[in-house]
C-alpha atoms as a PDB file:
ATOM      1  CA  UNK A   1      -0.051   0.046   0.034  1.00  0.00           C
ATOM      2  CA  UNK A   2       1.281   3.591  -0.898  1.00  0.00           C
ATOM      3  CA  UNK A   3       2.941   5.260  -3.755  1.00  0.00           C
ATOM      4  CA  UNK A   4       5.102   3.080  -6.118  1.00  0.00           C
ATOM      5  CA  UNK A   5       6.708   2.810  -9.469  1.00  0.00           C
ATOM      6  CA  UNK A   6       5.719   0.439 -12.472  1.00  0.00           C
ATOM      7  CA  UNK A   7       7.899  -1.528 -14.431  1.00  0.00           C
ATOM      8  CA  UNK A   8       6.933  -2.529 -17.922  1.00  0.00           C
ATOM      9  CA  UNK A   9       6.954  -6.249 -18.666  1.00  0.00           C
ATOM     10  CA  UNK A  10       8.020  -5.890 -22.333  1.00  0.00           C
ATOM     11  CA  UNK A  11       4.753  -5.674 -24.169  1.00  0.00           C
ATOM     12  CA  UNK A  12       3.930  -1.970 -24.131  1.00  0.00           C
ATOM     13  CA  UNK A  13       0.616  -0.859 -22.371  1.00  0.00           C
ATOM     14  CA  UNK A  14      -1.365   1.558 -24.245  1.00  0.00           C
ATOM     15  CA  UNK A  15      -2.445   2.749 -20.861  1.00  0.00           C
ATOM     16  CA  UNK A  16       1.119   3.870 -20.192  1.00  0.00           C
ATOM     17  CA  UNK A  17       1.685   5.691 -23.586  1.00  0.00           C
ATOM     18  CA  UNK A  18       3.612   8.932 -22.895  1.00  0.00           C
ATOM     19  CA  UNK A  19       3.816   8.118 -19.291  1.00  0.00           C
ATOM     20  CA  UNK A  20       7.546   8.654 -17.464  1.00  0.00           C
ATOM     21  CA  UNK A  21       9.391   5.714 -16.217  1.00  0.00           C
ATOM     22  CA  UNK A  22       9.935   7.447 -13.019  1.00  0.00           C
ATOM     23  CA  UNK A  23       6.013   8.024 -12.356  1.00  0.00           C
ATOM     24  CA  UNK A  24       4.653   7.064  -9.123  1.00  0.00           C
ATOM     25  CA  UNK A  25       1.117   5.526  -8.701  1.00  0.00           C
ATOM     26  CA  UNK A  26      -1.024   5.171  -5.326  1.00  0.00           C
ATOM     27  CA  UNK A  27      -1.945   1.527  -4.479  1.00  0.00           C
ATOM     28  CA  UNK A  28      -4.637   0.935  -1.840  1.00  0.00           C
ATOM     29  CA  UNK A  29      -4.785  -2.939  -1.626  1.00  0.00           C
ATOM     30  CA  UNK A  30      -2.590  -5.376   0.008  1.00  0.00           C
ATOM     31  CA  UNK A  31      -3.748  -8.236  -2.358  1.00  0.00           C
ATOM     32  CA  UNK A  32      -2.541  -9.175  -5.767  1.00  0.00           C
ATOM     33  CA  UNK A  33      -3.424 -11.711  -8.536  1.00  0.00           C
ATOM     34  CA  UNK A  34      -0.569 -13.920  -9.700  1.00  0.00           C
ATOM     35  CA  UNK A  35       1.303 -12.532 -12.840  1.00  0.00           C
ATOM     36  CA  UNK A  36       0.640 -14.210 -15.903  1.00  0.00           C
ATOM     37  CA  UNK A  37       0.884 -13.623 -19.788  1.00  0.00           C
ATOM     38  CA  UNK A  38      -1.838 -10.454 -19.475  1.00  0.00           C
ATOM     39  CA  UNK A  39       0.467  -8.647 -17.258  1.00  0.00           C
ATOM     40  CA  UNK A  40       1.637  -5.396 -18.814  1.00  0.00           C
ATOM     41  CA  UNK A  41       3.602  -3.733 -15.860  1.00  0.00           C
ATOM     42  CA  UNK A  42       4.383  -4.468 -12.295  1.00  0.00           C
ATOM     43  CA  UNK A  43       5.297  -3.140  -8.964  1.00  0.00           C
ATOM     44  CA  UNK A  44       7.599  -4.294  -6.192  1.00  0.00           C
ATOM     45  CA  UNK A  45       6.706  -5.159  -2.795  1.00  0.00           C
ATOM     46  CA  UNK A  46       8.562  -8.182  -1.337  1.00  0.00           C
ATOM     47  CA  UNK A  47       7.712  -9.638  -5.145  1.00  0.00           C
ATOM     48  CA  UNK A  48       6.832  -8.701  -8.438  1.00  0.00           C
ATOM     49  CA  UNK A  49       3.068  -7.682  -8.267  1.00  0.00           C
ATOM     50  CA  UNK A  50       0.795  -7.060 -11.438  1.00  0.00           C
ATOM     51  CA  UNK A  51      -0.220  -3.543 -11.704  1.00  0.00           C
ATOM     52  CA  UNK A  52      -1.521  -3.225 -15.124  1.00  0.00           C
ATOM     53  CA  UNK A  53      -3.060  -6.450 -17.045  1.00  0.00           C
ATOM     54  CA  UNK A  54      -4.710  -6.252 -20.534  1.00  0.00           C
ATOM     55  CA  UNK A  55      -5.717  -8.409 -23.165  1.00  0.00           C
ATOM     56  CA  UNK A  56      -7.213  -7.442 -26.445  1.00  0.00           C
ATOM     57  CA  UNK A  57      -9.798  -4.645 -25.730  1.00  0.00           C
ATOM     58  CA  UNK A  58      -9.773  -5.332 -21.717  1.00  0.00           C
ATOM     59  CA  UNK A  59      -7.568  -3.583 -19.265  1.00  0.00           C
ATOM     60  CA  UNK A  60      -7.344  -3.370 -15.847  1.00  0.00           C
ATOM     61  CA  UNK A  61      -4.817  -1.668 -13.168  1.00  0.00           C
ATOM     62  CA  UNK A  62      -4.112  -2.513  -9.391  1.00  0.00           C
ATOM     63  CA  UNK A  63      -3.382   1.222  -8.477  1.00  0.00           C
ATOM     64  CA  UNK A  64      -6.273   4.063  -8.035  1.00  0.00           C
ATOM     65  CA  UNK A  65      -5.593   6.206 -11.178  1.00  0.00           C
ATOM     66  CA  UNK A  66      -7.857   8.988  -9.686  1.00  0.00           C
ATOM     67  CA  UNK A  67      -5.613   9.155  -6.606  1.00  0.00           C
ATOM     68  CA  UNK A  68      -2.342   9.059  -8.599  1.00  0.00           C
ATOM     69  CA  UNK A  69      -1.950  12.867  -9.500  1.00  0.00           C
ATOM     70  CA  UNK A  70      -0.810  13.569 -13.196  1.00  0.00           C
ATOM     71  CA  UNK A  71       0.201  10.550 -14.075  1.00  0.00           C
ATOM     72  CA  UNK A  72      -2.735   8.688 -13.100  1.00  0.00           C
ATOM     73  CA  UNK A  73      -4.796  11.247 -14.974  1.00  0.00           C
ATOM     74  CA  UNK A  74      -2.698  10.566 -18.139  1.00  0.00           C
ATOM     75  CA  UNK A  75      -3.727   6.641 -17.828  1.00  0.00           C
ATOM     76  CA  UNK A  76      -7.501   7.309 -17.622  1.00  0.00           C
ATOM     77  CA  UNK A  77      -6.995   9.797 -20.657  1.00  0.00           C
ATOM     78  CA  UNK A  78      -5.225   6.807 -22.449  1.00  0.00           C
ATOM     79  CA  UNK A  79      -7.955   4.430 -21.557  1.00  0.00           C
ATOM     80  CA  UNK A  80     -10.572   6.992 -23.041  1.00  0.00           C
ATOM     81  CA  UNK A  81      -8.405   7.590 -26.074  1.00  0.00           C
ATOM     82  CA  UNK A  82      -8.325  11.120 -25.271  1.00  0.00           C
ATOM     83  CA  UNK A  83      -5.217  12.997 -27.291  1.00  0.00           C
ATOM     84  CA  UNK A  84      -2.762  14.397 -24.822  1.00  0.00           C
END
């Protein structure tokens, strides 16, 4: 729980378009799903935790974009397809 950075897992997530690698996001939950082929970005606790998952036109995030300041607003704009 708290502020943490993301690490891309190789396949570029469209939600992270034009978001810097040093951006922080706000995580509230202490639970996590296991990583899988749909994991597009992770964060670190005592292990790598999936932070963004996506498959075709489905996307999900573990953090709270609405509480993550400017980077979170960019994630929401990317989700909606709003040019920045």
